[in-house]
Amino acid sequence: MQLLLQIVLLIGTVSFAAAVYFGTVAFHEARPKFPLRFQDEPTARYAMDTLVRHRPVSNSTRRKYLTSVACLAIAAACAAFGFAIHGSLAGAIGFGGVFVLAMSFALARFMKHRDAF
């Protein structure tokens, strides 16, 4: 049981690191292509989800953004599973909810803009 918990936590940690990496790379690739009023960092971060779908942003940047969200969902699932193994029901339900929300978000964005990927 301890080995399973360590494997789940390792997968979750790697998935979270991948989510951060792909999200940061997508942000820095997309930001110069945003309209001028969205060039400053706080505004660009706030509008990232909407503006990443516009035509000047490349398809590879869109894929990196969606990969970031999917990796976040995997990390949340691993955290929920880890909490469930450890015996914390509240943590398992909380991270399970994050997993459901992130996967729903990723799937909805993919289905809505599937031609852009």
C-alpha atoms as a PDB file:
ATOM      1  CA  MET A   1       0.000   0.000   0.000  1.00  0.00           C
ATOM      2  CA  GLN A   2       2.851   2.380   0.801  1.00  0.00           C
ATOM      3  CA  LEU A   3       4.460   1.730  -2.600  1.00  0.00           C
ATOM      4  CA  LEU A   4       1.174   2.461  -4.373  1.00  0.00           C
ATOM      5  CA  LEU A   5       0.841   5.740  -2.490  1.00  0.00           C
ATOM      6  CA  GLN A   6       4.385   6.750  -3.445  1.00  0.00           C
ATOM      7  CA  ILE A   7       3.766   5.927  -7.110  1.00  0.00           C
ATOM      8  CA  VAL A   8       0.521   7.921  -7.124  1.00  0.00           C
ATOM      9  CA  LEU A   9       2.235  10.897  -5.486  1.00  0.00           C
ATOM     10  CA  LEU A  10       5.121  10.706  -7.961  1.00  0.00           C
ATOM     11  CA  ILE A  11       2.723  10.677 -10.919  1.00  0.00           C
ATOM     12  CA  GLY A  12       0.783  13.570  -9.389  1.00  0.00           C
ATOM     13  CA  THR A  13       3.935  15.603  -8.803  1.00  0.00           C
ATOM     14  CA  VAL A  14       5.201  15.024 -12.342  1.00  0.00           C
ATOM     15  CA  SER A  15       1.768  15.879 -13.761  1.00  0.00           C
ATOM     16  CA  PHE A  16       1.604  19.087 -11.745  1.00  0.00           C
ATOM     17  CA  ALA A  17       5.110  20.075 -12.895  1.00  0.00           C
ATOM     18  CA  ALA A  18       4.100  19.369 -16.508  1.00  0.00           C
ATOM     19  CA  ALA A  19       0.957  21.481 -16.054  1.00  0.00           C
ATOM     20  CA  VAL A  20       3.005  24.401 -14.771  1.00  0.00           C
ATOM     21  CA  TYR A  21       5.566  24.029 -17.560  1.00  0.00           C
ATOM     22  CA  PHE A  22       3.056  23.792 -20.416  1.00  0.00           C
ATOM     23  CA  GLY A  23       0.915  26.581 -18.979  1.00  0.00           C
ATOM     24  CA  THR A  24       3.886  28.924 -18.624  1.00  0.00           C
ATOM     25  CA  VAL A  25       5.204  28.146 -22.104  1.00  0.00           C
ATOM     26  CA  ALA A  26       1.756  28.632 -23.646  1.00  0.00           C
ATOM     27  CA  PHE A  27       1.328  31.927 -21.811  1.00  0.00           C
ATOM     28  CA  HIS A  28       4.675  33.321 -22.933  1.00  0.00           C
ATOM     29  CA  GLU A  29       4.118  32.190 -26.532  1.00  0.00           C
ATOM     30  CA  ALA A  30       0.597  33.599 -26.739  1.00  0.00           C
ATOM     31  CA  ARG A  31       1.016  36.895 -24.883  1.00  0.00           C
ATOM     32  CA  PRO A  32       2.893  38.791 -27.647  1.00  0.00           C
ATOM     33  CA  LYS A  33       0.063  37.946 -30.067  1.00  0.00           C
ATOM     34  CA  PHE A  34      -2.690  39.333 -27.817  1.00  0.00           C
ATOM     35  CA  PRO A  35      -4.243  42.731 -28.634  1.00  0.00           C
ATOM     36  CA  LEU A  36      -2.271  45.698 -27.310  1.00  0.00           C
ATOM     37  CA  ARG A  37      -4.548  46.394 -24.357  1.00  0.00           C
ATOM     38  CA  PHE A  38      -3.992  42.823 -23.104  1.00  0.00           C
ATOM     39  CA  GLN A  39      -0.191  42.936 -23.272  1.00  0.00           C
ATOM     40  CA  ASP A  40       0.475  43.616 -19.587  1.00  0.00           C
ATOM     41  CA  GLU A  41       0.909  40.462 -17.511  1.00  0.00           C
ATOM     42  CA  PRO A  42      -2.054  40.627 -15.084  1.00  0.00           C
ATOM     43  CA  THR A  43      -4.553  41.393 -17.844  1.00  0.00           C
ATOM     44  CA  ALA A  44      -3.043  38.770 -20.144  1.00  0.00           C
ATOM     45  CA  ARG A  45      -3.276  36.096 -17.422  1.00  0.00           C
ATOM     46  CA  TYR A  46      -6.903  37.008 -16.777  1.00  0.00           C
ATOM     47  CA  ALA A  47      -7.825  36.882 -20.474  1.00  0.00           C
ATOM     48  CA  MET A  48      -5.618  33.909 -21.430  1.00  0.00           C
ATOM     49  CA  ASP A  49      -8.421  31.374 -21.797  1.00  0.00           C
ATOM     50  CA  THR A  50     -10.412  33.595 -24.137  1.00  0.00           C
ATOM     51  CA  LEU A  51      -7.566  35.070 -26.171  1.00  0.00           C
ATOM     52  CA  VAL A  52      -5.686  31.825 -26.742  1.00  0.00           C
ATOM     53  CA  ARG A  53      -8.485  30.861 -29.178  1.00  0.00           C
ATOM     54  CA  HIS A  54      -7.938  33.841 -31.497  1.00  0.00           C
ATOM     55  CA  ARG A  55      -6.364  33.299 -34.877  1.00  0.00           C
ATOM     56  CA  PRO A  56      -2.927  34.946 -34.326  1.00  0.00           C
ATOM     57  CA  VAL A  57      -2.097  32.351 -31.662  1.00  0.00           C
ATOM     58  CA  SER A  58      -0.608  29.186 -33.144  1.00  0.00           C
ATOM     59  CA  ASN A  59      -2.186  25.752 -32.894  1.00  0.00           C
ATOM     60  CA  SER A  60       0.800  24.388 -30.981  1.00  0.00           C
ATOM     61  CA  THR A  61       0.289  27.054 -28.307  1.00  0.00           C
ATOM     62  CA  ARG A  62      -3.374  26.086 -28.035  1.00  0.00           C
ATOM     63  CA  ARG A  63      -2.385  22.438 -27.655  1.00  0.00           C
ATOM     64  CA  LYS A  64       0.107  23.346 -24.925  1.00  0.00           C
ATOM     65  CA  TYR A  65      -2.586  25.260 -23.069  1.00  0.00           C
ATOM     66  CA  LEU A  66      -5.023  22.346 -23.243  1.00  0.00           C
ATOM     67  CA  THR A  67      -2.257  19.916 -22.237  1.00  0.00           C
ATOM     68  CA  SER A  68      -1.626  22.088 -19.207  1.00  0.00           C
ATOM     69  CA  VAL A  69      -5.254  21.813 -18.119  1.00  0.00           C
ATOM     70  CA  ALA A  70      -5.285  18.039 -18.707  1.00  0.00           C
ATOM     71  CA  CYS A  71      -2.083  17.599 -16.666  1.00  0.00           C
ATOM     72  CA  LEU A  72      -3.650  19.624 -13.870  1.00  0.00           C
ATOM     73  CA  ALA A  73      -6.646  17.280 -13.909  1.00  0.00           C
ATOM     74  CA  ILE A  74      -4.366  14.225 -13.723  1.00  0.00           C
ATOM     75  CA  ALA A  75      -2.489  15.761 -10.801  1.00  0.00           C
ATOM     76  CA  ALA A  76      -5.779  16.439  -9.008  1.00  0.00           C
ATOM     77  CA  ALA A  77      -6.909  12.857  -9.615  1.00  0.00           C
ATOM     78  CA  CYS A  78      -3.653  11.547  -8.171  1.00  0.00           C
ATOM     79  CA  ALA A  79      -4.035  13.804  -5.136  1.00  0.00           C
ATOM     80  CA  ALA A  80      -7.614  12.599  -4.638  1.00  0.00           C
ATOM     81  CA  PHE A  81      -6.502   8.979  -4.902  1.00  0.00           C
ATOM     82  CA  GLY A  82      -3.650   9.635  -2.483  1.00  0.00           C
ATOM     83  CA  PHE A  83      -6.001  11.191   0.052  1.00  0.00           C
ATOM     84  CA  ALA A  84      -8.396   8.273  -0.364  1.00  0.00           C
ATOM     85  CA  ILE A  85      -5.589   5.771   0.278  1.00  0.00           C
ATOM     86  CA  HIS A  86      -4.451   7.771   3.275  1.00  0.00           C
ATOM     87  CA  GLY A  87      -7.992   7.829   4.670  1.00  0.00           C
ATOM     88  CA  SER A  88      -8.906  11.515   4.346  1.00  0.00           C
ATOM     89  CA  LEU A  89     -12.399  11.673   2.887  1.00  0.00           C
ATOM     90  CA  ALA A  90     -12.545  15.478   2.769  1.00  0.00           C
ATOM     91  CA  GLY A  91      -9.290  15.726   0.794  1.00  0.00           C
ATOM     92  CA  ALA A  92     -10.385  12.973  -1.589  1.00  0.00           C
ATOM     93  CA  ILE A  93     -13.717  14.683  -2.253  1.00  0.00           C
ATOM     94  CA  GLY A  94     -12.086  18.105  -2.664  1.00  0.00           C
ATOM     95  CA  PHE A  95      -9.438  17.017  -5.135  1.00  0.00           C
ATOM     96  CA  GLY A  96     -11.951  14.752  -6.854  1.00  0.00           C
ATOM     97  CA  GLY A  97     -14.048  17.843  -7.443  1.00  0.00           C
ATOM     98  CA  VAL A  98     -11.043  19.692  -8.848  1.00  0.00           C
ATOM     99  CA  PHE A  99     -10.433  16.728 -11.164  1.00  0.00           C
ATOM    100  CA  VAL A 100     -14.034  16.752 -12.414  1.00  0.00           C
ATOM    101  CA  LEU A 101     -14.008  20.525 -12.960  1.00  0.00           C
ATOM    102  CA  ALA A 102     -10.656  20.522 -14.771  1.00  0.00           C
ATOM    103  CA  MET A 103     -11.576  17.603 -17.022  1.00  0.00           C
ATOM    104  CA  SER A 104     -14.962  19.146 -17.784  1.00  0.00           C
ATOM    105  CA  PHE A 105     -13.260  22.427 -18.641  1.00  0.00           C
ATOM    106  CA  ALA A 106     -10.681  20.721 -20.874  1.00  0.00           C
ATOM    107  CA  LEU A 107     -13.255  18.571 -22.635  1.00  0.00           C
ATOM    108  CA  ALA A 108     -15.613  21.506 -23.176  1.00  0.00           C
ATOM    109  CA  ARG A 109     -12.817  23.644 -24.631  1.00  0.00           C
ATOM    110  CA  PHE A 110     -11.673  20.796 -26.856  1.00  0.00           C
ATOM    111  CA  MET A 111     -15.166  20.065 -28.170  1.00  0.00           C
ATOM    112  CA  LYS A 112     -15.952  23.735 -28.752  1.00  0.00           C
ATOM    113  CA  HIS A 113     -12.687  24.523 -30.559  1.00  0.00           C
ATOM    114  CA  ARG A 114     -11.688  21.120 -31.911  1.00  0.00           C
ATOM    115  CA  ASP A 115     -10.937  22.553 -35.354  1.00  0.00           C
ATOM    116  CA  ALA A 116      -8.301  24.831 -33.783  1.00  0.00           C
ATOM    117  CA  PHE A 117      -6.300  21.885 -32.452  1.00  0.00           C
END
